[in-house]
PDB file of all heavy atoms in Angstrom:
ATOM      1  N   SER A   1     103.208 104.284 113.411  1.00  0.00           N
ATOM      2  CA  SER A   1     103.021 105.331 112.282  1.00  0.00           C
ATOM      3  C   SER A   1     103.265 106.630 112.850  1.00  0.00           C
ATOM      4  O   SER A   1     102.292 107.340 113.318  1.00  0.00           O
ATOM      5  CB  SER A   1     101.691 105.127 111.692  1.00  0.00           C
ATOM      6  OG  SER A   1     101.483 106.001 110.658  1.00  0.00           O
ATOM      7  N   LEU A   2     104.563 107.092 112.899  1.00  0.00           N
ATOM      8  CA  LEU A   2     104.824 108.379 113.459  1.00  0.00           C
ATOM      9  C   LEU A   2     104.437 109.492 112.502  1.00  0.00           C
ATOM     10  O   LEU A   2     104.361 109.308 111.336  1.00  0.00           O
ATOM     11  CB  LEU A   2     106.344 108.528 113.749  1.00  0.00           C
ATOM     12  CG  LEU A   2     106.882 107.573 114.847  1.00  0.00           C
ATOM     13  CD1 LEU A   2     108.331 107.746 114.989  1.00  0.00           C
ATOM     14  CD2 LEU A   2     106.198 107.885 116.150  1.00  0.00           C
ATOM     15  N   GLY A   3     104.188 110.653 113.050  1.00  0.00           N
ATOM     16  CA  GLY A   3     103.824 111.827 112.204  1.00  0.00           C
ATOM     17  C   GLY A   3     102.386 112.164 112.408  1.00  0.00           C
ATOM     18  O   GLY A   3     101.942 113.241 111.920  1.00  0.00           O
ATOM     19  N   ASP A   4     101.527 111.334 113.048  1.00  0.00           N
ATOM     20  CA  ASP A   4     100.182 111.632 113.260  1.00  0.00           C
ATOM     21  C   ASP A   4     100.003 112.712 114.349  1.00  0.00           C
ATOM     22  O   ASP A   4      99.003 113.459 114.380  1.00  0.00           O
ATOM     23  CB  ASP A   4      99.417 110.403 113.694  1.00  0.00           C
ATOM     24  CG  ASP A   4      99.269 109.432 112.532  1.00  0.00           C
ATOM     25  OD1 ASP A   4      98.789 109.912 111.456  1.00  0.00           O
ATOM     26  OD2 ASP A   4      99.549 108.207 112.659  1.00  0.00           O
ATOM     27  N   PHE A   5     100.957 112.756 115.276  1.00  0.00           N
ATOM     28  CA  PHE A   5     100.889 113.725 116.366  1.00  0.00           C
ATOM     29  C   PHE A   5     102.135 114.649 116.340  1.00  0.00           C
ATOM     30  O   PHE A   5     103.254 114.234 116.586  1.00  0.00           O
ATOM     31  CB  PHE A   5     100.779 112.942 117.699  1.00  0.00           C
ATOM     32  CG  PHE A   5      99.708 111.998 117.751  1.00  0.00           C
ATOM     33  CD1 PHE A   5     100.008 110.695 117.646  1.00  0.00           C
ATOM     34  CD2 PHE A   5      98.405 112.455 117.782  1.00  0.00           C
ATOM     35  CE1 PHE A   5      98.942 109.736 117.587  1.00  0.00           C
ATOM     36  CE2 PHE A   5      97.314 111.510 117.731  1.00  0.00           C
ATOM     37  CZ  PHE A   5      97.656 110.214 117.706  1.00  0.00           C
ATOM     38  N   PRO A   6     101.910 115.938 116.011  1.00  0.00           N
ATOM     39  CA  PRO A   6     103.044 116.810 115.701  1.00  0.00           C
ATOM     40  C   PRO A   6     103.913 116.968 116.936  1.00  0.00           C
ATOM     41  O   PRO A   6     103.443 117.058 118.065  1.00  0.00           O
ATOM     42  CB  PRO A   6     102.269 118.222 115.425  1.00  0.00           C
ATOM     43  CG  PRO A   6     100.989 117.815 114.942  1.00  0.00           C
ATOM     44  CD  PRO A   6     100.570 116.575 115.692  1.00  0.00           C
ATOM     45  N   SER A   7     105.206 116.938 116.677  1.00  0.00           N
ATOM     46  CA  SER A   7     106.173 117.341 117.711  1.00  0.00           C
ATOM     47  C   SER A   7     107.506 117.743 116.940  1.00  0.00           C
ATOM     48  O   SER A   7     107.623 117.602 115.740  1.00  0.00           O
ATOM     49  CB  SER A   7     106.481 116.001 118.586  1.00  0.00           C
ATOM     50  OG  SER A   7     107.319 115.125 117.894  1.00  0.00           O
ATOM     51  N   ARG A   8     108.398 118.253 117.737  1.00  0.00           N
ATOM     52  CA  ARG A   8     109.636 118.711 117.139  1.00  0.00           C
ATOM     53  C   ARG A   8     110.468 117.622 116.553  1.00  0.00           C
ATOM     54  O   ARG A   8     111.343 117.919 115.665  1.00  0.00           O
ATOM     55  CB  ARG A   8     110.465 119.477 118.188  1.00  0.00           C
ATOM     56  CG  ARG A   8     110.852 118.641 119.333  1.00  0.00           C
ATOM     57  CD  ARG A   8     111.599 119.425 120.360  1.00  0.00           C
ATOM     58  NE  ARG A   8     111.811 118.630 121.615  1.00  0.00           N
ATOM     59  CZ  ARG A   8     112.440 119.144 122.606  1.00  0.00           C
ATOM     60  NH1 ARG A   8     112.791 120.354 122.694  1.00  0.00           N
ATOM     61  NH2 ARG A   8     112.592 118.361 123.711  1.00  0.00           N
ATOM     62  N   THR A   9     110.264 116.374 116.888  1.00  0.00           N
ATOM     63  CA  THR A   9     111.089 115.281 116.360  1.00  0.00           C
ATOM     64  C   THR A   9     110.397 114.528 115.185  1.00  0.00           C
ATOM     65  O   THR A   9     111.047 113.744 114.621  1.00  0.00           O
ATOM     66  CB  THR A   9     111.397 114.235 117.463  1.00  0.00           C
ATOM     67  OG1 THR A   9     110.090 113.679 117.907  1.00  0.00           O
ATOM     68  CG2 THR A   9     112.094 114.966 118.677  1.00  0.00           C
ATOM     69  N   ASP A  10     109.119 114.912 114.844  1.00  0.00           N
ATOM     70  CA  ASP A  10     108.465 114.111 113.915  1.00  0.00           C
ATOM     71  C   ASP A  10     109.061 113.967 112.511  1.00  0.00           C
ATOM     72  O   ASP A  10     109.094 112.916 112.012  1.00  0.00           O
ATOM     73  CB  ASP A  10     106.995 114.662 113.722  1.00  0.00           C
ATOM     74  CG  ASP A  10     105.980 114.058 114.717  1.00  0.00           C
ATOM     75  OD1 ASP A  10     106.369 113.147 115.505  1.00  0.00           O
ATOM     76  OD2 ASP A  10     104.832 114.596 114.840  1.00  0.00           O
ATOM     77  N   THR A  11     109.464 115.109 112.036  1.00  0.00           N
ATOM     78  CA  THR A  11     109.985 115.065 110.613  1.00  0.00           C
ATOM     79  C   THR A  11     111.170 114.177 110.486  1.00  0.00           C
ATOM     80  O   THR A  11     111.174 113.197 109.580  1.00  0.00           O
ATOM     81  CB  THR A  11     110.401 116.449 110.174  1.00  0.00           C
ATOM     82  OG1 THR A  11     109.276 117.383 110.318  1.00  0.00           O
ATOM     83  CG2 THR A  11     110.839 116.457 108.727  1.00  0.00           C
ATOM     84  N   LEU A  12     112.208 114.305 111.303  1.00  0.00           N
ATOM     85  CA  LEU A  12     113.385 113.466 111.067  1.00  0.00           C
ATOM     86  C   LEU A  12     113.137 111.989 111.527  1.00  0.00           C
ATOM     87  O   LEU A  12     113.515 111.054 110.792  1.00  0.00           O
ATOM     88  CB  LEU A  12     114.519 114.132 111.968  1.00  0.00           C
ATOM     89  CG  LEU A  12     115.860 113.486 111.775  1.00  0.00           C
ATOM     90  CD1 LEU A  12     116.350 113.532 110.334  1.00  0.00           C
ATOM     91  CD2 LEU A  12     116.953 114.189 112.651  1.00  0.00           C
ATOM     92  N   VAL A  13     112.452 111.820 112.624  1.00  0.00           N
ATOM     93  CA  VAL A  13     112.183 110.435 113.084  1.00  0.00           C
ATOM     94  C   VAL A  13     111.277 109.705 112.080  1.00  0.00           C
ATOM     95  O   VAL A  13     111.454 108.567 111.773  1.00  0.00           O
ATOM     96  CB  VAL A  13     111.598 110.393 114.487  1.00  0.00           C
ATOM     97  CG1 VAL A  13     111.348 109.046 114.888  1.00  0.00           C
ATOM     98  CG2 VAL A  13     112.667 111.053 115.512  1.00  0.00           C
ATOM     99  N   SER A  14     110.245 110.432 111.594  1.00  0.00           N
ATOM    100  CA  SER A  14     109.300 109.819 110.603  1.00  0.00           C
ATOM    101  C   SER A  14     110.065 109.389 109.385  1.00  0.00           C
ATOM    102  O   SER A  14     109.811 108.337 108.768  1.00  0.00           O
ATOM    103  CB  SER A  14     108.193 110.755 110.349  1.00  0.00           C
ATOM    104  OG  SER A  14     107.460 111.030 111.435  1.00  0.00           O
ATOM    105  N   ALA A  15     110.976 110.221 108.937  1.00  0.00           N
ATOM    106  CA  ALA A  15     111.831 109.860 107.743  1.00  0.00           C
ATOM    107  C   ALA A  15     112.607 108.590 107.982  1.00  0.00           C
ATOM    108  O   ALA A  15     112.681 107.675 107.175  1.00  0.00           O
ATOM    109  CB  ALA A  15     112.755 110.996 107.390  1.00  0.00           C
ATOM    110  N   ALA A  16     113.202 108.468 109.231  1.00  0.00           N
ATOM    111  CA  ALA A  16     114.015 107.285 109.598  1.00  0.00           C
ATOM    112  C   ALA A  16     113.067 106.051 109.656  1.00  0.00           C
ATOM    113  O   ALA A  16     113.406 104.989 109.161  1.00  0.00           O
ATOM    114  CB  ALA A  16     114.710 107.480 110.899  1.00  0.00           C
ATOM    115  N   LYS A  17     111.846 106.226 110.252  1.00  0.00           N
ATOM    116  CA  LYS A  17     110.944 105.107 110.318  1.00  0.00           C
ATOM    117  C   LYS A  17     110.469 104.646 108.997  1.00  0.00           C
ATOM    118  O   LYS A  17     110.175 103.468 108.714  1.00  0.00           O
ATOM    119  CB  LYS A  17     109.766 105.430 111.232  1.00  0.00           C
ATOM    120  CG  LYS A  17     110.207 105.785 112.610  1.00  0.00           C
ATOM    121  CD  LYS A  17     110.827 104.679 113.364  1.00  0.00           C
ATOM    122  CE  LYS A  17     109.813 103.769 114.045  1.00  0.00           C
ATOM    123  NZ  LYS A  17     110.495 102.672 114.888  1.00  0.00           N
ATOM    124  N   ALA A  18     110.277 105.607 108.047  1.00  0.00           N
ATOM    125  CA  ALA A  18     109.850 105.287 106.676  1.00  0.00           C
ATOM    126  C   ALA A  18     110.901 104.447 106.049  1.00  0.00           C
ATOM    127  O   ALA A  18     110.579 103.400 105.344  1.00  0.00           O
ATOM    128  CB  ALA A  18     109.538 106.486 105.897  1.00  0.00           C
ATOM    129  N   ALA A  19     112.129 104.735 106.194  1.00  0.00           N
ATOM    130  CA  ALA A  19     113.281 103.970 105.572  1.00  0.00           C
ATOM    131  C   ALA A  19     113.324 102.644 106.277  1.00  0.00           C
ATOM    132  O   ALA A  19     113.528 101.556 105.640  1.00  0.00           O
ATOM    133  CB  ALA A  19     114.570 104.668 105.877  1.00  0.00           C
ATOM    134  N   ASP A  20     112.926 102.565 107.517  1.00  0.00           N
ATOM    135  CA  ASP A  20     112.977 101.302 108.296  1.00  0.00           C
ATOM    136  C   ASP A  20     111.873 100.365 107.745  1.00  0.00           C
ATOM    137  O   ASP A  20     112.108  99.153 107.607  1.00  0.00           O
ATOM    138  CB  ASP A  20     112.791 101.510 109.794  1.00  0.00           C
ATOM    139  CG  ASP A  20     112.786 100.270 110.626  1.00  0.00           C
ATOM    140  OD1 ASP A  20     113.837  99.514 110.512  1.00  0.00           O
ATOM    141  OD2 ASP A  20     111.838 100.064 111.406  1.00  0.00           O
ATOM    142  N   ARG A  21     110.766 100.904 107.419  1.00  0.00           N
ATOM    143  CA  ARG A  21     109.680 100.107 106.852  1.00  0.00           C
ATOM    144  C   ARG A  21     110.114  99.459 105.525  1.00  0.00           C
ATOM    145  O   ARG A  21     109.812  98.300 105.226  1.00  0.00           O
ATOM    146  CB  ARG A  21     108.434 100.926 106.712  1.00  0.00           C
ATOM    147  CG  ARG A  21     107.795 101.283 107.980  1.00  0.00           C
ATOM    148  CD  ARG A  21     106.396 101.728 107.766  1.00  0.00           C
ATOM    149  NE  ARG A  21     105.971 102.599 108.828  1.00  0.00           N
ATOM    150  CZ  ARG A  21     104.879 103.369 108.842  1.00  0.00           C
ATOM    151  NH1 ARG A  21     104.063 103.338 107.816  1.00  0.00           N
ATOM    152  NH2 ARG A  21     104.520 104.113 109.935  1.00  0.00           N
ATOM    153  N   VAL A  22     110.756 100.259 104.703  1.00  0.00           N
ATOM    154  CA  VAL A  22     111.319  99.669 103.394  1.00  0.00           C
ATOM    155  C   VAL A  22     112.242  98.533 103.613  1.00  0.00           C
ATOM    156  O   VAL A  22     112.213  97.522 102.975  1.00  0.00           O
ATOM    157  CB  VAL A  22     111.947 100.819 102.570  1.00  0.00           C
ATOM    158  CG1 VAL A  22     112.602 100.222 101.395  1.00  0.00           C
ATOM    159  CG2 VAL A  22     110.985 101.879 102.172  1.00  0.00           C
ATOM    160  N   MET A  23     113.055  98.648 104.719  1.00  0.00           N
ATOM    161  CA  MET A  23     114.041  97.613 105.043  1.00  0.00           C
ATOM    162  C   MET A  23     113.318  96.382 105.548  1.00  0.00           C
ATOM    163  O   MET A  23     113.843  95.276 105.360  1.00  0.00           O
ATOM    164  CB  MET A  23     115.083  98.147 106.123  1.00  0.00           C
ATOM    165  CG  MET A  23     115.976  99.176 105.648  1.00  0.00           C
ATOM    166  SD  MET A  23     117.124  99.726 106.883  1.00  0.00           S
ATOM    167  CE  MET A  23     118.152  98.282 107.006  1.00  0.00           C
ATOM    168  N   SER A  24     112.072  96.458 106.068  1.00  0.00           N
ATOM    169  CA  SER A  24     111.305  95.363 106.491  1.00  0.00           C
ATOM    170  C   SER A  24     111.056  94.427 105.364  1.00  0.00           C
ATOM    171  O   SER A  24     110.986  93.174 105.492  1.00  0.00           O
ATOM    172  CB  SER A  24     110.001  95.757 107.153  1.00  0.00           C
ATOM    173  OG  SER A  24     110.185  96.078 108.573  1.00  0.00           O
ATOM    174  N   TYR A  25     110.798  94.980 104.124  1.00  0.00           N
ATOM    175  CA  TYR A  25     110.538  94.130 102.963  1.00  0.00           C
ATOM    176  C   TYR A  25     111.740  93.232 102.698  1.00  0.00           C
ATOM    177  O   TYR A  25     111.545  92.080 102.406  1.00  0.00           O
ATOM    178  CB  TYR A  25     110.151  95.011 101.793  1.00  0.00           C
ATOM    179  CG  TYR A  25     108.825  95.708 101.928  1.00  0.00           C
ATOM    180  CD1 TYR A  25     108.771  97.019 102.270  1.00  0.00           C
ATOM    181  CD2 TYR A  25     107.580  94.964 101.794  1.00  0.00           C
ATOM    182  CE1 TYR A  25     107.550  97.629 102.420  1.00  0.00           C
ATOM    183  CE2 TYR A  25     106.438  95.559 101.988  1.00  0.00           C
ATOM    184  CZ  TYR A  25     106.351  96.988 102.266  1.00  0.00           C
ATOM    185  OH  TYR A  25     105.159  97.591 102.422  1.00  0.00           O
ATOM    186  N   ALA A  26     112.929  93.862 102.830  1.00  0.00           N
ATOM    187  CA  ALA A  26     114.146  93.014 102.594  1.00  0.00           C
ATOM    188  C   ALA A  26     114.339  91.951 103.687  1.00  0.00           C
ATOM    189  O   ALA A  26     114.714  90.848 103.399  1.00  0.00           O
ATOM    190  CB  ALA A  26     115.389  93.948 102.544  1.00  0.00           C
ATOM    191  N   LEU A  27     114.011  92.320 104.888  1.00  0.00           N
ATOM    192  CA  LEU A  27     114.024  91.386 106.018  1.00  0.00           C
ATOM    193  C   LEU A  27     113.060  90.266 105.807  1.00  0.00           C
ATOM    194  O   LEU A  27     113.403  89.034 106.077  1.00  0.00           O
ATOM    195  CB  LEU A  27     113.722  92.147 107.401  1.00  0.00           C
ATOM    196  CG  LEU A  27     113.762  91.241 108.602  1.00  0.00           C
ATOM    197  CD1 LEU A  27     115.133  90.625 108.839  1.00  0.00           C
ATOM    198  CD2 LEU A  27     113.241  91.997 109.776  1.00  0.00           C
ATOM    199  N   ALA A  28     111.808  90.535 105.314  1.00  0.00           N
ATOM    200  CA  ALA A  28     110.862  89.538 105.041  1.00  0.00           C
ATOM    201  C   ALA A  28     111.370  88.524 104.036  1.00  0.00           C
ATOM    202  O   ALA A  28     111.150  87.375 104.199  1.00  0.00           O
ATOM    203  CB  ALA A  28     109.469  90.168 104.624  1.00  0.00           C
ATOM    204  N   ASP A  29     112.047  89.060 103.022  1.00  0.00           N
ATOM    205  CA  ASP A  29     112.614  88.223 102.038  1.00  0.00           C
ATOM    206  C   ASP A  29     113.657  87.280 102.576  1.00  0.00           C
ATOM    207  O   ASP A  29     113.788  86.049 102.283  1.00  0.00           O
ATOM    208  CB  ASP A  29     113.088  88.974 100.825  1.00  0.00           C
ATOM    209  CG  ASP A  29     113.577  88.127  99.649  1.00  0.00           C
ATOM    210  OD1 ASP A  29     112.724  87.325  99.072  1.00  0.00           O
ATOM    211  OD2 ASP A  29     114.790  88.107  99.317  1.00  0.00           O
ATOM    212  N   THR A  30     114.499  87.870 103.498  1.00  0.00           N
ATOM    213  CA  THR A  30     115.579  87.054 104.066  1.00  0.00           C
ATOM    214  C   THR A  30     114.931  85.950 104.948  1.00  0.00           C
ATOM    215  O   THR A  30     115.371  84.751 104.903  1.00  0.00           O
ATOM    216  CB  THR A  30     116.496  87.915 104.998  1.00  0.00           C
ATOM    217  OG1 THR A  30     117.120  88.939 104.217  1.00  0.00           O
ATOM    218  CG2 THR A  30     117.523  87.148 105.719  1.00  0.00           C
ATOM    219  N   CYS A  31     113.911  86.286 105.677  1.00  0.00           N
ATOM    220  CA  CYS A  31     113.250  85.301 106.486  1.00  0.00           C
ATOM    221  C   CYS A  31     112.602  84.201 105.632  1.00  0.00           C
ATOM    222  O   CYS A  31     112.816  82.994 106.008  1.00  0.00           O
ATOM    223  CB  CYS A  31     112.089  85.961 107.280  1.00  0.00           C
ATOM    224  SG  CYS A  31     112.605  86.963 108.706  1.00  0.00           S
ATOM    225  N   ARG A  32     112.056  84.509 104.493  1.00  0.00           N
ATOM    226  CA  ARG A  32     111.441  83.560 103.575  1.00  0.00           C
ATOM    227  C   ARG A  32     112.532  82.580 103.166  1.00  0.00           C
ATOM    228  O   ARG A  32     112.285  81.311 103.104  1.00  0.00           O
ATOM    229  CB  ARG A  32     110.735  84.256 102.398  1.00  0.00           C
ATOM    230  CG  ARG A  32     110.153  83.290 101.390  1.00  0.00           C
ATOM    231  CD  ARG A  32     109.688  84.036 100.211  1.00  0.00           C
ATOM    232  NE  ARG A  32     110.635  84.872  99.584  1.00  0.00           N
ATOM    233  CZ  ARG A  32     111.618  84.348  98.767  1.00  0.00           C
ATOM    234  NH1 ARG A  32     111.643  83.115  98.436  1.00  0.00           N
ATOM    235  NH2 ARG A  32     112.503  85.195  98.192  1.00  0.00           N
ATOM    236  N   ARG A  33     113.635  83.015 102.746  1.00  0.00           N
ATOM    237  CA  ARG A  33     114.688  82.221 102.221  1.00  0.00           C
ATOM    238  C   ARG A  33     115.261  81.298 103.207  1.00  0.00           C
ATOM    239  O   ARG A  33     115.792  80.293 102.964  1.00  0.00           O
ATOM    240  CB  ARG A  33     115.850  83.038 101.584  1.00  0.00           C
ATOM    241  CG  ARG A  33     115.424  83.679 100.241  1.00  0.00           C
ATOM    242  CD  ARG A  33     116.574  84.423  99.573  1.00  0.00           C
ATOM    243  NE  ARG A  33     116.783  85.699 100.093  1.00  0.00           N
ATOM    244  CZ  ARG A  33     117.797  86.078 100.799  1.00  0.00           C
ATOM    245  NH1 ARG A  33     118.654  85.182 101.192  1.00  0.00           N
ATOM    246  NH2 ARG A  33     117.874  87.340 101.261  1.00  0.00           N
ATOM    247  N   ARG A  34     115.223  81.695 104.527  1.00  0.00           N
ATOM    248  CA  ARG A  34     115.694  80.844 105.646  1.00  0.00           C
ATOM    249  C   ARG A  34     114.677  79.969 106.247  1.00  0.00           C
ATOM    250  O   ARG A  34     114.987  79.319 107.256  1.00  0.00           O
ATOM    251  CB  ARG A  34     116.437  81.753 106.689  1.00  0.00           C
ATOM    252  CG  ARG A  34     117.717  82.426 106.259  1.00  0.00           C
ATOM    253  CD  ARG A  34     118.451  83.112 107.427  1.00  0.00           C
ATOM    254  NE  ARG A  34     118.631  82.099 108.534  1.00  0.00           N
ATOM    255  CZ  ARG A  34     119.578  81.286 108.616  1.00  0.00           C
ATOM    256  NH1 ARG A  34     120.479  81.206 107.580  1.00  0.00           N
ATOM    257  NH2 ARG A  34     119.776  80.516 109.735  1.00  0.00           N
ATOM    258  N   GLY A  35     113.422  79.998 105.732  1.00  0.00           N
ATOM    259  CA  GLY A  35     112.366  79.183 106.375  1.00  0.00           C
ATOM    260  C   GLY A  35     111.846  79.697 107.636  1.00  0.00           C
ATOM    261  O   GLY A  35     111.378  78.980 108.543  1.00  0.00           O
ATOM    262  N   VAL A  36     111.914  81.080 107.772  1.00  0.00           N
ATOM    263  CA  VAL A  36     111.523  81.721 109.021  1.00  0.00           C
ATOM    264  C   VAL A  36     110.218  82.518 108.712  1.00  0.00           C
ATOM    265  O   VAL A  36     110.203  83.275 107.796  1.00  0.00           O
ATOM    266  CB  VAL A  36     112.547  82.643 109.587  1.00  0.00           C
ATOM    267  CG1 VAL A  36     112.110  83.489 110.800  1.00  0.00           C
ATOM    268  CG2 VAL A  36     113.913  81.835 110.003  1.00  0.00           C
ATOM    269  N   SER A  37     109.168  82.343 109.526  1.00  0.00           N
ATOM    270  CA  SER A  37     108.025  83.074 109.367  1.00  0.00           C
ATOM    271  C   SER A  37     108.200  84.571 109.648  1.00  0.00           C
ATOM    272  O   SER A  37     109.073  84.922 110.467  1.00  0.00           O
ATOM    273  CB  SER A  37     106.894  82.586 110.267  1.00  0.00           C
ATOM    274  OG  SER A  37     106.563  81.297 110.004  1.00  0.00           O
ATOM    275  N   PHE A  38     107.478  85.455 109.026  1.00  0.00           N
ATOM    276  CA  PHE A  38     107.679  86.900 109.162  1.00  0.00           C
ATOM    277  C   PHE A  38     106.274  87.564 109.296  1.00  0.00           C
ATOM    278  O   PHE A  38     105.389  87.285 108.482  1.00  0.00           O
ATOM    279  CB  PHE A  38     108.418  87.479 108.053  1.00  0.00           C
ATOM    280  CG  PHE A  38     108.563  89.067 108.191  1.00  0.00           C
ATOM    281  CD1 PHE A  38     109.607  89.551 108.983  1.00  0.00           C
ATOM    282  CD2 PHE A  38     107.712  89.925 107.620  1.00  0.00           C
ATOM    283  CE1 PHE A  38     109.678  90.914 109.137  1.00  0.00           C
ATOM    284  CE2 PHE A  38     107.823  91.273 107.761  1.00  0.00           C
ATOM    285  CZ  PHE A  38     108.878  91.777 108.552  1.00  0.00           C
ATOM    286  N   GLY A  39     106.090  88.356 110.303  1.00  0.00           N
ATOM    287  CA  GLY A  39     104.822  89.099 110.433  1.00  0.00           C
ATOM    288  C   GLY A  39     105.076  90.510 110.803  1.00  0.00           C
ATOM    289  O   GLY A  39     106.204  90.846 111.329  1.00  0.00           O
ATOM    290  N   SER A  40     104.232  91.409 110.487  1.00  0.00           N
ATOM    291  CA  SER A  40     104.392  92.811 110.817  1.00  0.00           C
ATOM    292  C   SER A  40     103.050  93.435 111.199  1.00  0.00           C
ATOM    293  O   SER A  40     101.975  93.129 110.723  1.00  0.00           O
ATOM    294  CB  SER A  40     105.005  93.596 109.583  1.00  0.00           C
ATOM    295  OG  SER A  40     104.112  93.568 108.472  1.00  0.00           O
ATOM    296  N   LEU A  41     103.140  94.322 112.095  1.00  0.00           N
ATOM    297  CA  LEU A  41     101.999  95.120 112.607  1.00  0.00           C
ATOM    298  C   LEU A  41     102.320  96.573 112.802  1.00  0.00           C
ATOM    299  O   LEU A  41     103.374  96.837 113.425  1.00  0.00           O
ATOM    300  CB  LEU A  41     101.525  94.422 113.886  1.00  0.00           C
ATOM    301  CG  LEU A  41     100.164  94.977 114.571  1.00  0.00           C
ATOM    302  CD1 LEU A  41      99.416  93.883 115.287  1.00  0.00           C
ATOM    303  CD2 LEU A  41     100.518  96.147 115.492  1.00  0.00           C
ATOM    304  N   VAL A  42     101.613  97.432 112.205  1.00  0.00           N
ATOM    305  CA  VAL A  42     101.891  98.859 112.380  1.00  0.00           C
ATOM    306  C   VAL A  42     100.658  99.454 113.072  1.00  0.00           C
ATOM    307  O   VAL A  42      99.590  99.279 112.734  1.00  0.00           O
ATOM    308  CB  VAL A  42     101.959  99.591 110.978  1.00  0.00           C
ATOM    309  CG1 VAL A  42     102.182 101.024 111.137  1.00  0.00           C
ATOM    310  CG2 VAL A  42     103.222  98.997 110.170  1.00  0.00           C
ATOM    311  N   LEU A  43     101.003 100.187 114.103  1.00  0.00           N
ATOM    312  CA  LEU A  43      99.942 100.793 114.974  1.00  0.00           C
ATOM    313  C   LEU A  43     100.206 102.329 114.999  1.00  0.00           C
ATOM    314  O   LEU A  43     101.371 102.700 114.965  1.00  0.00           O
ATOM    315  CB  LEU A  43      99.872 100.238 116.372  1.00  0.00           C
ATOM    316  CG  LEU A  43     101.122 100.210 117.183  1.00  0.00           C
ATOM    317  CD1 LEU A  43     100.977 100.978 118.465  1.00  0.00           C
ATOM    318  CD2 LEU A  43     101.584  98.715 117.462  1.00  0.00           C
TER     319      LEU A  43
END
């Protein structure tokens, strides 16, 4: 979960990581359709 600790890269990288998390939902659906388990952990 980027953005908790300020740095010069936070804004742009955090935006990319937010988009990446949205893509995880699509990946989870792909896994489900293929009979593949899916887990996620955000630290």
